[in-house]
Amino acid sequence: MTLEILQAEMISAMKAKDKLRKDTLSSLVSAVKKAGIDNKCRDNISETLVDTTLIKEQKTMQEMIDTCPAERTDTLAEYQKKMEIIKEFAPQLITDPEEIKIKVLALLLDASIDLEKKNRGTIMKLVVPEFKGKADMSIVNRVITEILV
């Protein structure tokens, strides 16, 4: 996903007078631009940074949905609609522990690293770049903890 695509979608939502979609996309564009400024790449924002920011915004919206009181049905419905819009643009993360386990074991086999707890730091240095932005890192961490002896 690129910043330009997000901006183009925001403009089309403005033209369609879809306020909720425009507001949601506007907040995503702002978050991406802020991340670009924070990472000192304001003029050249990479797709990786956009994806990372979208994942972060998706997690934030999920927390808002999870913590919303049940009696606030109108607010909850609005959050869920916003989440649907965010999901359109956020990358799909690998959440299947078995699929992650297979990929982690393949990486470790290629690198000839022993599955011992003392090698956890080395394993994480190898695995994190492969899965960052592609898989739920909490699941990756849990899988690594399970396979280490």
Foldseek 3Di string as FASTA:
>chain_A
DDLVVLVVQLVVCVVVVVVLLNVLSVVLSVQLQVQCVVVVNNPNRDPLSSLLSLVVVLVVLVVVLVPDDPVPVVVNVSSVVSNVSSVVPHDDADEDLVVLLVVLVVQCVVVVDDQAPVCVVVSCVRVCVVRPSHHDVVSNVVSSVVRHD
